[in-house]
Protein backbone atom coordinates (compact mmCIF):
# COMPACT_ATOMS: atom_id res chain seq x y z
CA MET A 1 -13.34 -0.85 -16.95
CA HIS A 2 -12.50 -2.59 -13.90
CA SER A 3 -10.70 -1.10 -11.29
CA PRO A 4 -7.33 -2.23 -10.12
CA TYR A 5 -6.70 -3.66 -6.70
CA ILE A 6 -4.62 -3.04 -3.60
CA ASN A 7 -3.34 -4.46 -1.03
CA THR A 8 -5.93 -4.95 2.29
CA CYS A 9 -2.96 -3.72 4.34
CA PHE A 10 -3.17 -0.20 3.50
CA LEU A 11 -6.62 -0.13 5.53
CA ASN A 12 -4.08 -0.99 8.67
CA GLY A 13 -5.37 1.32 11.32
CA PHE A 14 -8.71 1.94 9.27
CA SER A 15 -11.25 0.01 11.58
CA SER A 16 -9.71 1.31 14.91
CA LEU A 17 -10.17 4.92 13.82
CA VAL A 18 -14.15 4.38 12.74
CA LEU A 19 -13.98 2.69 16.58
CA SER A 20 -12.95 5.92 17.68
CA LYS A 21 -15.35 7.51 16.41
CA GLY A 22 -18.51 5.22 17.43
CA GLY A 23 -18.73 3.95 13.55
CA ASN A 24 -19.49 0.87 12.59
CA VAL A 25 -16.81 -0.55 10.54
CA SER A 26 -19.13 -3.61 9.12
CA ALA A 27 -22.08 -1.30 7.88
CA LEU A 28 -18.90 1.35 6.16
CA TYR A 29 -17.72 -1.65 4.43
CA GLU A 30 -21.03 -3.02 3.25
CA SER A 31 -22.06 0.45 2.14
CA VAL A 32 -19.59 0.10 -0.37
CA GLY A 33 -20.10 -2.65 -1.67
CA LEU A 34 -16.98 -4.75 0.32
CA ASP A 35 -17.73 -7.45 2.60
CA LYS A 36 -15.85 -9.60 5.97
CA ALA A 37 -14.11 -11.60 3.99
CA ILE A 38 -11.34 -9.21 4.21
CA PHE A 39 -10.50 -9.32 7.27
CA SER A 40 -9.46 -13.08 7.05
CA GLU A 41 -6.15 -13.90 5.15
CA GLU A 42 -8.46 -15.31 1.96
CA SER A 43 -9.16 -12.15 0.55
CA LEU A 44 -5.77 -9.41 0.39
CA LEU A 45 -7.04 -7.41 -2.51
CA ILE A 46 -9.36 -5.24 -2.39
CA PRO A 47 -10.35 -2.90 -5.68
CA TYR A 48 -8.68 0.36 -5.52
CA ASP A 49 -12.19 2.67 -5.87
CA LYS A 50 -14.29 0.48 -3.20
CA PHE A 51 -10.75 2.11 -0.80
CA VAL A 52 -11.60 5.53 -1.91
CA TYR A 53 -15.47 4.69 -1.11
CA LEU A 54 -14.82 3.57 1.89
CA LEU A 55 -12.68 6.63 3.17
CA GLU A 56 -15.34 9.13 1.70
CA ALA A 57 -18.13 7.03 3.26
CA ALA A 58 -16.65 7.26 6.55
CA ALA A 59 -15.62 11.09 6.42
CA ALA A 60 -19.09 11.67 5.43
CA GLN A 61 -21.15 9.56 8.19
CA LEU A 62 -19.07 10.18 10.96
CA ASP A 63 -18.31 13.64 10.37
CA PHE A 64 -14.92 12.92 10.26
CA PRO A 65 -13.14 14.66 6.75
CA ASP A 66 -9.58 14.25 8.19
CA ILE A 67 -9.82 10.38 8.52
CA ALA A 68 -7.77 9.51 5.41
CA MET A 69 -4.94 11.74 6.46
CA GLN A 70 -5.49 10.08 9.68
CA LEU A 71 -4.36 6.75 8.11
CA ALA A 72 -2.09 7.97 6.52
CA ARG A 73 0.16 9.05 9.51
CA GLN A 74 -0.49 6.27 11.99
CA GLN A 75 0.50 4.22 8.62
CA ASP A 76 3.61 6.26 8.25
CA MET A 77 6.81 4.64 6.80
CA MET A 78 5.99 0.78 8.49
CA ILE A 79 4.20 0.89 4.95
CA LEU A 80 7.70 0.42 3.70
CA ALA A 81 8.26 -2.65 5.74
CA PRO A 82 8.48 -4.40 3.12
CA LEU A 83 11.25 -2.04 1.26
CA GLY A 84 13.30 -2.88 4.39
CA SER A 85 16.46 -4.79 2.45
CA MET A 86 16.29 -2.74 -0.73
CA LEU A 87 16.34 0.23 0.84
CA SER A 88 19.59 -0.79 2.99
CA ASP A 89 21.20 -1.04 -0.56
CA CYS A 90 20.22 2.64 -1.11
CA ASN A 91 22.87 5.71 -0.63
CA ASN A 92 20.62 8.35 -0.75
CA VAL A 93 16.95 9.70 -0.58
CA SER A 94 17.25 9.99 -4.44
CA GLU A 95 18.20 6.15 -5.02
CA ALA A 96 15.72 5.62 -2.04
CA LEU A 97 12.82 7.20 -3.79
CA GLU A 98 13.68 5.16 -7.34
CA VAL A 99 12.57 2.15 -4.97
CA ILE A 100 9.50 3.69 -3.47
CA VAL A 101 8.33 5.22 -6.68
CA LYS A 102 8.57 1.36 -8.75
CA TYR A 103 7.41 -0.43 -6.14
CA LEU A 104 4.03 2.19 -6.36
CA LYS A 105 3.55 1.81 -9.53
CA ILE A 106 4.02 -2.37 -9.70
CA LEU A 107 1.14 -2.81 -6.01
CA VAL A 108 -1.03 0.07 -7.50
CA SER A 109 -2.12 -0.62 -11.02
CA GLY A 110 -2.71 2.59 -13.00
CA TYR A 111 -1.12 4.86 -10.15
CA GLN A 112 1.47 6.98 -11.29
CA VAL A 113 4.51 8.93 -9.96
CA ASP A 114 6.44 10.81 -11.53
CA ILE A 115 9.52 12.71 -9.52
CA GLN A 116 10.95 15.71 -11.31
CA VAL A 117 13.88 18.02 -10.27
CA GLN A 118 14.76 21.36 -11.11
CA GLN A 119 17.26 23.95 -9.96
CA ASP A 120 16.88 24.69 -6.41
CA HIS A 121 13.82 21.93 -6.26
CA PHE A 122 12.04 18.30 -6.94
CA THR A 123 8.37 17.86 -7.59
CA VAL A 124 6.56 14.91 -6.70
CA SER A 125 3.43 14.37 -8.93
CA PHE A 126 0.40 11.85 -8.21
CA TYR A 127 -1.81 9.98 -11.45
CA LEU A 128 -4.38 7.93 -11.72
CA GLU A 129 -6.38 6.50 -14.35
CA GLN A 130 -9.80 6.88 -12.60
CA SER A 131 -10.41 10.72 -13.11
CA HIS A 132 -13.73 10.32 -11.40
CA ILE A 133 -11.60 9.10 -8.51
CA GLN A 134 -8.70 11.57 -8.56
CA GLU A 135 -11.40 14.09 -7.98
CA LEU A 136 -12.35 13.00 -4.75
CA VAL A 137 -11.38 14.58 -1.33
CA GLN A 138 -10.14 10.95 0.37
CA TYR A 139 -8.16 10.03 -2.24
CA GLN A 140 -6.23 13.20 -3.08
CA ASP A 141 -5.74 13.58 1.46
CA TYR A 142 -4.56 9.70 1.52
CA ALA A 143 -2.27 10.04 -1.23
CA MET A 144 -0.62 13.49 -0.11
CA ALA A 145 -0.19 12.57 3.07
CA SER A 146 0.73 9.22 2.83
CA ALA A 147 3.40 10.74 0.33
CA VAL A 148 4.73 13.53 2.87
CA ASN A 149 4.65 11.30 6.00
CA ILE A 150 7.32 9.03 3.53
CA LEU A 151 9.65 12.06 3.17
CA TYR A 152 9.47 13.23 6.40
CA GLY A 153 10.41 9.78 7.34
CA LEU A 154 13.18 10.14 4.80
CA LEU A 155 14.33 13.29 5.42
CA GLY A 156 13.40 14.04 8.96
CA ARG A 157 10.77 17.30 10.49
CA SER A 158 14.11 19.57 10.17
CA PHE A 159 13.91 19.30 6.35
CA PRO A 160 10.28 20.74 5.78
CA ILE A 161 8.37 20.54 2.52
CA ARG A 162 8.23 23.59 0.43
CA ALA A 163 4.06 23.30 -0.51
CA CYS A 164 1.74 21.06 -1.07
CA TYR A 165 -0.59 21.27 -4.00
CA PHE A 166 -4.41 19.26 -4.51
CA LEU A 167 -6.28 18.73 -7.16
CA ARG A 168 -9.80 19.91 -5.35
CA ASN A 169 -11.33 23.67 -4.91
CA GLU A 170 -11.16 24.91 -0.72
CA GLN A 171 -12.62 28.22 0.59
CA ASP A 172 -12.38 27.45 3.96
CA GLN A 173 -9.79 29.20 5.74
CA GLN A 174 -10.10 27.47 8.71
CA ARG A 175 -9.73 23.94 6.47
CA ILE A 176 -6.54 25.41 5.21
CA SER A 177 -5.40 26.39 7.88
CA GLU A 178 -5.98 22.90 9.38
CA TYR A 179 -4.02 21.30 6.14
CA ALA A 180 -1.07 23.54 6.54
CA GLN A 181 -0.35 22.39 10.21
CA TYR A 182 -0.65 19.18 9.30
CA PHE A 183 1.48 19.05 6.33
CA GLY A 184 3.87 21.37 7.70
CA CYS A 185 4.06 23.65 4.90
CA PRO A 186 2.07 25.97 2.59
CA VAL A 187 -0.96 24.47 0.93
CA ALA A 188 -2.99 25.63 -2.39
CA PHE A 189 -6.52 24.31 -3.42
CA ASN A 190 -7.50 24.22 -7.33
CA ASN A 191 -4.48 23.23 -8.74
CA HIS A 192 -3.75 21.40 -12.14
CA THR A 193 -1.81 19.30 -10.76
CA LEU A 194 -2.03 16.62 -7.08
CA SER A 195 2.32 17.09 -5.96
CA LEU A 196 4.74 18.81 -3.44
CA THR A 197 7.73 20.83 -3.73
CA CYS A 198 11.32 19.53 -1.71
CA ASP A 199 14.56 21.49 -1.96
CA ASN A 200 16.80 19.28 -3.92
CA SER A 201 19.39 19.37 -2.03
CA VAL A 202 18.26 16.57 0.01
CA LEU A 203 18.27 14.28 -2.58
CA GLN A 204 21.98 13.57 -1.84
CA LEU A 205 21.22 12.69 1.90
CA ASP A 206 22.47 9.65 3.59
CA ILE A 207 19.04 7.32 4.82
CA GLY A 208 21.37 4.78 7.36
CA ASN A 209 19.52 6.02 9.93
CA LEU A 210 16.52 5.37 8.22
CA VAL A 211 16.88 2.02 8.43
CA LYS A 212 17.96 1.20 11.35
CA GLN A 213 14.44 3.40 12.52
CA LEU A 214 12.36 1.32 10.11
CA ASN A 215 13.77 -2.15 11.17
CA THR A 216 13.74 -1.17 15.16
CA ARG A 217 9.62 -0.18 14.42
CA ILE A 218 9.29 -3.53 12.78
CA ASN A 219 11.49 -5.17 15.52
CA ASN A 220 9.17 -3.19 18.35
CA THR A 221 6.24 -3.55 16.23
CA LYS A 222 3.77 -6.11 18.53
CA PRO A 223 1.40 -8.29 16.58
CA VAL A 224 -2.74 -8.30 17.29
CA HIS A 225 -3.78 -9.43 20.16
CA ASN A 226 -4.61 -13.17 19.24
CA GLU A 227 -3.80 -12.58 15.02
CA CYS A 228 -3.24 -15.75 13.52
CA ILE A 229 0.71 -16.80 12.61
CA VAL A 230 -1.04 -17.71 9.59
CA LYS A 231 -2.83 -14.70 8.50
CA ARG A 232 0.08 -12.99 9.33
CA VAL A 233 3.00 -14.45 7.32
CA SER A 234 0.19 -14.64 5.18
CA ASN A 235 -0.43 -10.69 5.04
CA ALA A 236 4.03 -10.72 4.36
CA ILE A 237 3.98 -12.34 1.92
CA SER A 238 1.12 -10.79 -0.14
CA PHE A 239 2.65 -7.27 0.47
CA SER A 240 6.40 -8.82 -0.64
CA LEU A 241 5.81 -10.48 -3.67
CA THR A 242 5.82 -7.44 -6.22
CA ASN A 243 9.69 -6.86 -4.51
CA SER A 244 10.95 -10.17 -5.28
CA VAL A 245 11.54 -11.18 -1.51
CA TYR A 246 9.39 -13.76 -0.53
CA ARG A 247 11.46 -16.44 0.26
CA LEU A 248 11.39 -17.79 3.82
CA GLU A 249 14.55 -16.33 5.03
CA ASP A 250 12.92 -12.45 4.13
CA ILE A 251 9.67 -13.38 5.22
CA ALA A 252 11.01 -14.77 8.62
CA SER A 253 13.54 -11.64 8.65
CA SER A 254 11.08 -9.54 8.46
CA MET A 255 9.06 -10.66 11.07
CA HIS A 256 12.25 -10.80 13.27
CA TYR A 257 11.85 -14.73 13.47
CA SER A 258 14.88 -17.54 12.44
CA GLN A 259 13.52 -19.77 9.90
CA ARG A 260 13.40 -22.55 11.82
CA THR A 261 11.20 -20.88 14.59
CA LEU A 262 8.89 -19.53 11.75
CA GLN A 263 8.61 -22.59 10.36
CA ARG A 264 7.94 -24.17 13.75
CA LYS A 265 5.42 -22.09 14.22
CA LEU A 266 3.38 -22.89 11.21
CA GLY A 267 4.20 -26.81 11.49
CA GLU A 268 2.27 -25.83 15.34
CA GLN A 269 -1.04 -24.59 12.99
CA ASN A 270 -0.24 -27.67 10.92
CA THR A 271 1.03 -26.09 7.84
CA SER A 272 4.00 -24.62 6.35
CA PHE A 273 5.48 -21.19 4.29
CA SER A 274 6.05 -22.96 0.68
CA ALA A 275 2.53 -23.75 1.81
CA LEU A 276 0.94 -20.67 2.85
CA LEU A 277 3.07 -18.92 -0.61
CA ASP A 278 1.24 -20.72 -2.66
CA SER A 279 -2.06 -20.25 -1.02
CA VAL A 280 -1.70 -16.70 -0.96
CA ARG A 281 -0.63 -16.63 -4.72
CA PHE A 282 -3.68 -19.32 -5.97
CA ASN A 283 -5.48 -16.79 -3.95
CA MET A 284 -4.89 -13.81 -5.51
CA ALA A 285 -4.43 -15.02 -8.87
CA ASN A 286 -8.06 -15.81 -8.91
CA GLN A 287 -8.77 -12.24 -7.82
CA TYR A 288 -6.51 -11.18 -10.23
CA LEU A 289 -8.34 -13.46 -13.20
CA LYS A 290 -11.77 -11.90 -12.23
CA ASN A 291 -10.71 -8.75 -13.16
CA SER A 292 -9.94 -7.44 -16.74
CA TYR A 293 -7.80 -4.75 -15.84
CA TYR A 294 -5.31 -7.28 -15.47
CA ARG A 295 -2.84 -8.67 -18.41
CA GLN A 296 -1.71 -12.29 -17.38
CA THR A 297 1.56 -11.32 -18.24
CA ASP A 298 0.86 -8.27 -15.17
CA ILE A 299 -0.67 -10.84 -13.09
CA ALA A 300 2.40 -12.98 -13.16
CA VAL A 301 4.81 -10.02 -12.01
CA LEU A 302 2.16 -8.97 -9.44
CA LEU A 303 2.65 -11.98 -7.80
CA GLY A 304 6.09 -12.70 -8.05
CA TYR A 305 7.08 -14.63 -11.40
CA ASN A 306 9.86 -13.98 -14.28
CA SER A 307 7.24 -15.21 -16.48
CA LEU A 308 3.94 -15.73 -17.72
CA SER A 309 4.79 -19.49 -18.24
CA ALA A 310 6.24 -20.03 -15.00
CA PHE A 311 2.97 -18.23 -13.52
CA SER A 312 1.04 -20.72 -15.79
CA ARG A 313 2.93 -24.25 -14.62
CA SER A 314 2.17 -23.25 -11.03
CA TYR A 315 -1.79 -22.59 -11.51
CA HIS A 316 -1.89 -25.54 -13.53
CA ARG A 317 -0.62 -27.00 -10.38
CA TRP A 318 -2.34 -25.48 -7.89
CA SER A 319 -5.99 -26.12 -9.56
CA GLY A 320 -5.74 -28.88 -12.69
CA ILE A 321 -5.96 -26.08 -15.49
CA TYR A 322 -3.69 -22.85 -16.73
CA PRO A 323 -5.09 -19.83 -16.12
CA ASN A 324 -6.28 -18.60 -19.36
CA GLU A 325 -9.21 -21.09 -18.76
CA ALA A 326 -9.61 -19.97 -15.58
CA ARG A 327 -9.89 -16.70 -16.52
CA LYS A 328 -12.97 -17.52 -19.53
CA ARG A 329 -14.66 -19.43 -17.04
CA MET A 330 -14.81 -16.37 -14.32
CA LEU A 331 -15.94 -14.08 -16.68
CA LYS A 332 -18.38 -16.61 -17.85
CA GLU A 333 -19.95 -16.33 -14.34
């Protein structure tokens, strides 16, 4: 069984963390079977298991056991940037969580987040189809840290999380204290589920301030020095396809450009928005088609199509063959 993919945007900040510890980023990628292609717009997806293995390798080789939690903290609410327009339509935390959970379910196949509301609290539980990955420290740390940072973004730290529960065992009291300090709540290990609990009173809180803060963060985020506008737009498209917010006006707005300005900047690079949209979809389609984990109907949804037939027509326009034939050829290689 092949591993599902995740977007390379989930690695944002990883290289800087590795370099801060004197590590060799390229060597770490190679050690888990990844190559330098993930630094280019040509590769926007990586296998989820290799993402976790990469964190495990960095933790071991750099004596950096907290790397997954630090990565999640760096990414914080910006990981929700593609959801900006959808979150602005939410009236409260409960509706926002529904949007986020649906987004994660589509974005990371095989990754399930359940929310159960009890009398005085709600529980968020995390499940992964790949049991061998679910037991790894860095998977659990990243899943929990990402969720907690998102919740703090929604609620603010004045609404503390009740508790965090980990699957794995941990006997070191110093490490347990460090976890409690990071998460801002009691932590427990050797549990049956990976989960956290919060007071359910927060579910009806307004998230207007969150949307304003998210827009401000996006507006103030400066592009990486010398990062090509083509790569930035390609990444924005790839991260937004599953939400069907990949039109020119959507992407331009998310990058705080007018449509005319974005088209002009792309024109200066001898390309256009429609050409990049096709390029991103074609590249991602080929990665998905090589992986038998994904049905073609799943691929159509992941690429923002309303139907398999629409995806098939587009793929034929790009390559001259239909996706089922392309998959047969790829799997024979």
